[in-house]
């Protein structure tokens, strides 16, 4: 039986009363033992792969329960059984777990061929867009951000939940935002495209630390820097450091008499980082005060919200014809799109 992905299982069984015998390669992202009120033991297993994270309740009368008692978080395994979707989401009956071979483990960590291709296209978009910026200062600092942190870009998540909360999710989110920015920038003469594009790149760069993933896995552990400082402040720190490195690399481009001056351009870039949440109550220390600031905020919000809708369409059951339950932070019922997604 060829393994499937968690995401494929959710799509296959969501909205169906049927069950299916399947196997899936997973990382054991979370293992928590507990007991019911009646004293029956169980383990809450959080399983992860490149497409999704799913929580399963593994009961003590299964082979998988015994296997998990001898396992550690971060281990990889093949989970097989009869999968179904009920009121609690994706579940598995008669679950069994078996250790992966090295080859199987490598296949799990690489992700599906489709996902590998998508991330490669996103990275190519980064390289082509930022390598062709007209402003030499913004071009140099952007390319440094790619060269210095390539591995982090390809594994960090955009969030811990809500949207793009998966390995490589930050790259996906940022690349899609960049496509939106490229489409919108020419429509407004007040907008400096190079600045907007760099704002997209740098707005969440602090999440390379706040939401970084292990080099070999699908789990993101909180780190001191992310918890104590937060991604906006980290982003300002990183942007300032890279700006200094870029000025040392190409002093002529950063000459003080440049038009506009390097300090002015840097201040505008930093403003995009600190204002991109759009509201003080949402964590931005200042509101957007430039055309690029407002565009960036709304582009960010659009892509995040569409991803939240996409997640609900995939994972929530239909509660009435054409209506599904929204997933947090959205509330209530949402309608399926005319496209049939």
Protein backbone atom coordinates (compact mmCIF):
# COMPACT_ATOMS: atom_id res chain seq x y z
CA UNK A 1 0.00 0.00 0.00
CA UNK A 2 1.59 3.25 -1.17
CA UNK A 3 1.61 5.95 1.51
CA UNK A 4 -0.42 9.14 1.14
CA UNK A 5 0.03 12.52 2.81
CA UNK A 6 -1.97 13.90 5.72
CA UNK A 7 -3.26 16.69 3.49
CA UNK A 8 -4.42 14.17 0.88
CA UNK A 9 -6.23 12.17 3.56
CA UNK A 10 -8.07 15.25 4.78
CA UNK A 11 -9.11 16.20 1.25
CA UNK A 12 -10.20 12.66 0.42
CA UNK A 13 -12.32 12.05 3.50
CA UNK A 14 -13.60 15.51 4.43
CA UNK A 15 -17.37 15.67 4.03
CA UNK A 16 -17.58 11.90 3.52
CA UNK A 17 -19.06 9.28 5.81
CA UNK A 18 -16.77 6.65 4.31
CA UNK A 19 -13.55 5.34 5.81
CA UNK A 20 -10.39 4.28 4.03
CA UNK A 21 -7.51 1.96 4.89
CA UNK A 22 -4.34 3.97 4.28
CA UNK A 23 -0.80 4.51 5.46
CA UNK A 24 1.06 7.80 5.86
CA UNK A 25 4.65 8.75 6.71
CA UNK A 26 4.67 11.16 9.66
CA UNK A 27 6.83 12.86 12.22
CA UNK A 28 5.68 12.39 15.82
CA UNK A 29 5.38 16.10 16.54
CA UNK A 30 3.62 15.71 19.89
CA UNK A 31 3.07 12.80 22.30
CA UNK A 32 0.90 13.42 25.39
CA UNK A 33 -0.42 10.64 27.63
CA UNK A 34 -3.74 11.01 29.44
CA UNK A 35 -6.73 9.21 30.91
CA UNK A 36 -10.46 9.58 30.46
CA UNK A 37 -12.73 10.34 33.41
CA UNK A 38 -13.34 6.60 33.60
CA UNK A 39 -9.60 5.93 33.79
CA UNK A 40 -9.02 4.60 30.27
CA UNK A 41 -5.47 5.48 29.04
CA UNK A 42 -4.90 7.24 25.75
CA UNK A 43 -2.20 9.22 23.94
CA UNK A 44 -2.80 12.45 22.07
CA UNK A 45 -0.58 12.18 19.01
CA UNK A 46 0.18 15.21 16.88
CA UNK A 47 1.33 13.96 13.49
CA UNK A 48 3.02 16.18 10.91
CA UNK A 49 4.26 16.01 7.36
CA UNK A 50 4.97 18.61 4.66
CA UNK A 51 1.25 19.10 3.96
CA UNK A 52 -0.52 19.23 7.35
CA UNK A 53 -0.50 18.72 11.10
CA UNK A 54 -3.23 16.47 12.53
CA UNK A 55 -4.06 15.37 16.07
CA UNK A 56 -5.11 11.77 16.69
CA UNK A 57 -6.33 10.12 19.89
CA UNK A 58 -4.60 6.75 20.23
CA UNK A 59 -6.30 4.36 22.65
CA UNK A 60 -4.51 1.89 24.90
CA UNK A 61 -5.87 -1.21 23.14
CA UNK A 62 -3.91 -0.47 19.95
CA UNK A 63 -0.43 -1.43 18.80
CA UNK A 64 0.26 2.26 18.15
CA UNK A 65 -0.23 3.08 21.87
CA UNK A 66 2.54 0.68 22.89
CA UNK A 67 4.79 1.98 20.09
CA UNK A 68 4.31 5.58 21.22
CA UNK A 69 5.17 4.74 24.82
CA UNK A 70 8.63 3.79 23.57
CA UNK A 71 8.99 6.73 21.15
CA UNK A 72 10.17 10.32 21.40
CA UNK A 73 8.81 13.50 19.90
CA UNK A 74 10.60 14.11 16.62
CA UNK A 75 10.80 10.44 15.65
CA UNK A 76 9.44 9.47 12.23
CA UNK A 77 7.14 6.53 11.53
CA UNK A 78 4.57 5.02 9.20
CA UNK A 79 1.02 5.28 10.57
CA UNK A 80 -1.48 2.87 9.08
CA UNK A 81 -5.09 2.04 9.87
CA UNK A 82 -8.64 2.85 8.86
CA UNK A 83 -9.00 6.61 8.55
CA UNK A 84 -12.24 8.54 8.78
CA UNK A 85 -13.52 12.04 9.52
CA UNK A 86 -15.97 12.61 12.37
CA UNK A 87 -17.06 15.59 14.49
CA UNK A 88 -13.53 15.79 15.92
CA UNK A 89 -11.76 15.84 12.57
CA UNK A 90 -9.53 13.18 10.99
CA UNK A 91 -9.29 10.01 13.09
CA UNK A 92 -7.83 6.54 12.71
CA UNK A 93 -9.13 3.16 13.89
CA UNK A 94 -6.89 0.14 14.53
CA UNK A 95 -3.78 2.35 14.27
CA UNK A 96 -0.38 0.76 13.84
CA UNK A 97 3.01 2.45 13.80
CA UNK A 98 6.28 1.22 12.30
CA UNK A 99 9.70 2.88 12.13
CA UNK A 100 10.75 4.31 8.76
CA UNK A 101 13.83 3.22 6.86
CA UNK A 102 16.42 5.88 6.04
CA UNK A 103 15.09 6.12 2.50
CA UNK A 104 11.51 6.52 3.72
CA UNK A 105 12.61 9.17 6.21
CA UNK A 106 14.39 11.11 3.48
CA UNK A 107 11.25 10.98 1.32
CA UNK A 108 9.11 12.30 4.20
CA UNK A 109 11.39 15.22 4.96
CA UNK A 110 11.74 16.21 1.29
CA UNK A 111 7.98 16.63 0.89
CA UNK A 112 5.90 15.71 -2.12
CA UNK A 113 7.36 16.37 -5.59
CA UNK A 114 4.59 18.92 -6.16
CA UNK A 115 5.52 20.82 -3.01
CA UNK A 116 9.23 20.72 -3.82
CA UNK A 117 8.46 22.18 -7.26
CA UNK A 118 6.25 24.94 -5.78
CA UNK A 119 8.90 26.03 -3.28
CA UNK A 120 11.56 25.98 -6.00
CA UNK A 121 9.41 28.29 -8.14
CA UNK A 122 8.89 30.61 -5.17
CA UNK A 123 12.62 30.81 -4.55
CA UNK A 124 13.28 31.47 -8.24
CA UNK A 125 10.79 34.35 -8.08
CA UNK A 126 12.75 35.80 -5.15
CA UNK A 127 16.04 35.58 -7.00
CA UNK A 128 14.73 37.06 -10.24
CA UNK A 129 12.73 39.88 -8.63
CA UNK A 130 15.30 41.08 -6.13
CA UNK A 131 18.18 40.56 -8.51
CA UNK A 132 16.58 43.01 -10.97
CA UNK A 133 15.67 45.88 -8.60
CA UNK A 134 16.65 49.28 -9.97
CA UNK A 135 17.73 50.77 -6.64
CA UNK A 136 21.22 49.36 -6.01
CA UNK A 137 20.88 49.79 -2.25
CA UNK A 138 17.63 47.87 -1.98
CA UNK A 139 18.91 45.26 -4.46
CA UNK A 140 22.08 44.65 -2.45
CA UNK A 141 20.34 44.39 0.92
CA UNK A 142 17.60 42.13 -0.47
CA UNK A 143 20.07 39.73 -2.07
CA UNK A 144 22.02 39.62 1.19
CA UNK A 145 18.81 38.63 2.97
CA UNK A 146 18.44 35.71 0.57
CA UNK A 147 22.08 34.63 0.56
CA UNK A 148 22.53 34.89 4.33
CA UNK A 149 19.41 32.95 5.33
CA UNK A 150 18.52 30.68 2.41
CA UNK A 151 18.12 27.58 4.57
CA UNK A 152 15.93 29.41 7.07
CA UNK A 153 13.73 30.82 4.30
CA UNK A 154 13.10 27.31 3.00
CA UNK A 155 12.01 25.85 6.34
CA UNK A 156 10.41 28.59 8.52
CA UNK A 157 6.65 28.88 8.92
CA UNK A 158 4.63 32.06 8.46
CA UNK A 159 2.72 31.38 11.70
CA UNK A 160 2.27 28.77 14.43
CA UNK A 161 -1.39 28.40 13.51
CA UNK A 162 -4.02 30.20 11.43
CA UNK A 163 -2.17 30.42 8.08
CA UNK A 164 0.87 28.89 6.35
CA UNK A 165 1.74 27.12 9.62
CA UNK A 166 3.98 24.53 8.02
CA UNK A 167 7.56 23.95 6.96
CA UNK A 168 8.33 26.39 4.15
CA UNK A 169 5.15 28.34 4.86
CA UNK A 170 6.91 31.69 5.20
CA UNK A 171 8.45 31.30 1.74
CA UNK A 172 5.04 30.41 0.28
CA UNK A 173 3.31 33.36 1.97
CA UNK A 174 6.00 35.89 1.08
CA UNK A 175 6.23 34.75 -2.54
CA UNK A 176 2.47 34.98 -3.02
CA UNK A 177 2.51 38.45 -1.46
CA UNK A 178 5.28 39.40 -3.88
CA UNK A 179 3.14 38.30 -6.84
CA UNK A 180 0.34 40.53 -5.54
CA UNK A 181 2.74 43.44 -5.07
CA UNK A 182 4.12 43.07 -8.60
CA UNK A 183 0.56 43.22 -9.96
CA UNK A 184 -0.53 46.20 -7.85
CA UNK A 185 2.51 48.47 -7.75
CA UNK A 186 2.21 49.74 -11.37
CA UNK A 187 -1.39 50.83 -10.73
CA UNK A 188 -0.41 53.58 -8.26
CA UNK A 189 2.05 56.25 -9.34
CA UNK A 190 2.78 57.18 -5.72
CA UNK A 191 4.25 53.74 -5.04
CA UNK A 192 7.96 52.98 -5.40
CA UNK A 193 7.91 49.35 -6.61
CA UNK A 194 11.42 48.43 -5.39
CA UNK A 195 10.55 49.66 -1.89
CA UNK A 196 7.23 47.77 -1.82
CA UNK A 197 8.88 44.54 -3.00
CA UNK A 198 11.56 44.83 -0.31
CA UNK A 199 8.87 45.54 2.25
CA UNK A 200 7.26 42.24 1.29
CA UNK A 201 10.59 40.44 1.73
CA UNK A 202 11.46 42.04 5.05
CA UNK A 203 8.05 42.42 6.72
CA UNK A 204 8.19 38.99 8.37
CA UNK A 205 11.92 38.30 8.18
CA UNK A 206 11.98 38.08 11.99
CA UNK A 207 9.92 34.90 11.70
CA UNK A 208 13.03 33.18 10.36
CA UNK A 209 13.83 33.00 14.09
CA UNK A 210 10.41 33.21 15.70
CA UNK A 211 8.93 30.38 13.59
CA UNK A 212 12.02 28.47 12.50
CA UNK A 213 11.75 24.71 12.02
CA UNK A 214 14.25 22.04 12.91
CA UNK A 215 16.65 21.25 10.08
CA UNK A 216 15.14 17.77 9.75
CA UNK A 217 11.50 17.85 10.68
CA UNK A 218 8.11 19.51 10.82
CA UNK A 219 8.17 20.90 14.35
CA UNK A 220 8.85 24.46 15.45
CA UNK A 221 10.02 24.94 19.00
CA UNK A 222 9.72 28.35 20.69
CA UNK A 223 13.08 30.09 21.10
CA UNK A 224 14.08 32.76 23.59
CA UNK A 225 14.73 35.43 20.96
CA UNK A 226 11.34 34.98 19.35
CA UNK A 227 9.45 34.95 22.63
CA UNK A 228 11.24 37.87 24.30
CA UNK A 229 11.64 40.17 21.31
CA UNK A 230 9.10 39.15 18.65
CA UNK A 231 9.36 39.08 14.89
CA UNK A 232 8.79 42.80 14.24
CA UNK A 233 11.64 43.90 16.51
CA UNK A 234 13.88 41.09 15.23
CA UNK A 235 13.05 42.22 11.69
CA UNK A 236 14.23 45.77 12.41
CA UNK A 237 17.43 44.41 13.94
CA UNK A 238 18.12 42.14 10.96
CA UNK A 239 17.32 44.84 8.39
CA UNK A 240 19.65 47.32 10.09
CA UNK A 241 22.45 44.75 10.24
CA UNK A 242 22.05 43.78 6.59
CA UNK A 243 21.86 47.43 5.57
CA UNK A 244 25.21 48.04 7.28
CA UNK A 245 26.74 44.96 5.60
CA UNK A 246 25.39 46.08 2.21
CA UNK A 247 26.89 49.56 2.65
CA UNK A 248 30.27 48.00 3.35
CA UNK A 249 29.93 45.76 0.31
CA UNK A 250 29.04 48.59 -2.10
CA UNK A 251 30.08 51.94 -0.56
CA UNK A 252 29.49 53.89 -3.76
CA UNK A 253 25.83 52.90 -3.92
CA UNK A 254 25.35 54.02 -0.31
CA UNK A 255 27.04 57.41 -0.70
CA UNK A 256 25.34 60.00 1.55
CA UNK A 257 24.59 62.31 -1.38
CA UNK A 258 22.52 59.64 -3.16
CA UNK A 259 19.00 60.59 -4.28
CA UNK A 260 17.00 59.76 -2.29
CA UNK A 261 19.50 59.49 0.53
CA UNK A 262 20.40 56.06 1.97
CA UNK A 263 19.07 57.05 5.40
CA UNK A 264 15.71 58.05 3.93
CA UNK A 265 15.38 54.81 1.98
CA UNK A 266 16.34 52.77 5.06
CA UNK A 267 13.79 54.61 7.22
CA UNK A 268 11.05 53.86 4.68
CA UNK A 269 12.03 50.18 4.63
CA UNK A 270 12.05 49.96 8.43
CA UNK A 271 8.64 51.67 8.48
CA UNK A 272 7.21 48.84 6.37
CA UNK A 273 8.45 46.29 8.90
CA UNK A 274 7.06 48.05 11.97
CA UNK A 275 3.71 49.08 10.45
CA UNK A 276 2.69 46.00 8.47
CA UNK A 277 0.15 44.73 11.03
CA UNK A 278 -1.80 47.86 10.23
CA UNK A 279 -3.23 48.54 13.69
CA UNK A 280 -1.66 49.38 17.05
CA UNK A 281 -3.84 46.78 18.77
CA UNK A 282 -2.54 44.12 16.37
CA UNK A 283 1.07 44.69 17.42
CA UNK A 284 2.35 47.39 15.09
CA UNK A 285 4.19 50.11 17.02
CA UNK A 286 3.08 52.62 14.36
CA UNK A 287 0.27 52.76 11.82
CA UNK A 288 1.11 52.68 8.10
CA UNK A 289 1.99 56.22 6.96
CA UNK A 290 3.11 55.68 3.36
CA UNK A 291 1.51 54.32 0.16
CA UNK A 292 3.77 51.26 0.34
CA UNK A 293 2.84 50.77 4.00
CA UNK A 294 -0.88 50.58 3.31
CA UNK A 295 -0.46 48.36 0.27
CA UNK A 296 1.83 46.01 2.19
CA UNK A 297 -0.58 45.72 5.11
CA UNK A 298 -3.52 44.83 2.87
CA UNK A 299 -1.54 42.44 0.66
CA UNK A 300 -0.39 40.61 3.80
CA UNK A 301 -3.93 40.45 5.13
CA UNK A 302 -5.39 39.27 1.82
CA UNK A 303 -3.00 36.33 1.46
CA UNK A 304 -3.40 35.31 5.11
CA UNK A 305 -7.20 35.42 4.92
CA UNK A 306 -7.39 33.46 1.67
CA UNK A 307 -5.18 30.78 3.23
CA UNK A 308 -7.50 30.65 6.27
CA UNK A 309 -10.49 30.18 3.97
CA UNK A 310 -8.61 27.50 2.04
CA UNK A 311 -7.90 25.64 5.27
CA UNK A 312 -11.55 25.73 6.28
CA UNK A 313 -12.68 24.46 2.86
CA UNK A 314 -10.29 21.53 3.19
CA UNK A 315 -10.77 20.62 6.84
CA UNK A 316 -14.25 21.71 7.98
CA UNK A 317 -17.39 19.72 7.39
CA UNK A 318 -20.25 21.22 5.44
CA UNK A 319 -22.97 22.21 7.94
CA UNK A 320 -25.46 23.34 5.28
CA UNK A 321 -25.40 23.30 1.49
CA UNK A 322 -22.45 25.41 0.42
CA UNK A 323 -21.57 26.49 3.98
CA UNK A 324 -18.72 25.31 6.20
CA UNK A 325 -17.55 26.27 9.67
CA UNK A 326 -14.80 28.89 9.68
CA UNK A 327 -11.51 28.19 11.42
CA UNK A 328 -9.98 30.58 13.94
CA UNK A 329 -9.46 33.51 13.94
CA UNK A 330 -12.42 33.74 11.56
CA UNK A 331 -15.79 33.05 13.10
CA UNK A 332 -19.17 31.67 12.06
CA UNK A 333 -19.99 30.07 8.74
CA UNK A 334 -18.29 30.77 5.43
CA UNK A 335 -19.51 30.01 1.92
CA UNK A 336 -17.73 27.80 -0.55
CA UNK A 337 -16.46 29.79 -3.55
CA UNK A 338 -18.14 29.76 -6.94
CA UNK A 339 -15.00 28.06 -8.27
CA UNK A 340 -15.97 24.99 -6.25
CA UNK A 341 -12.87 25.00 -4.06
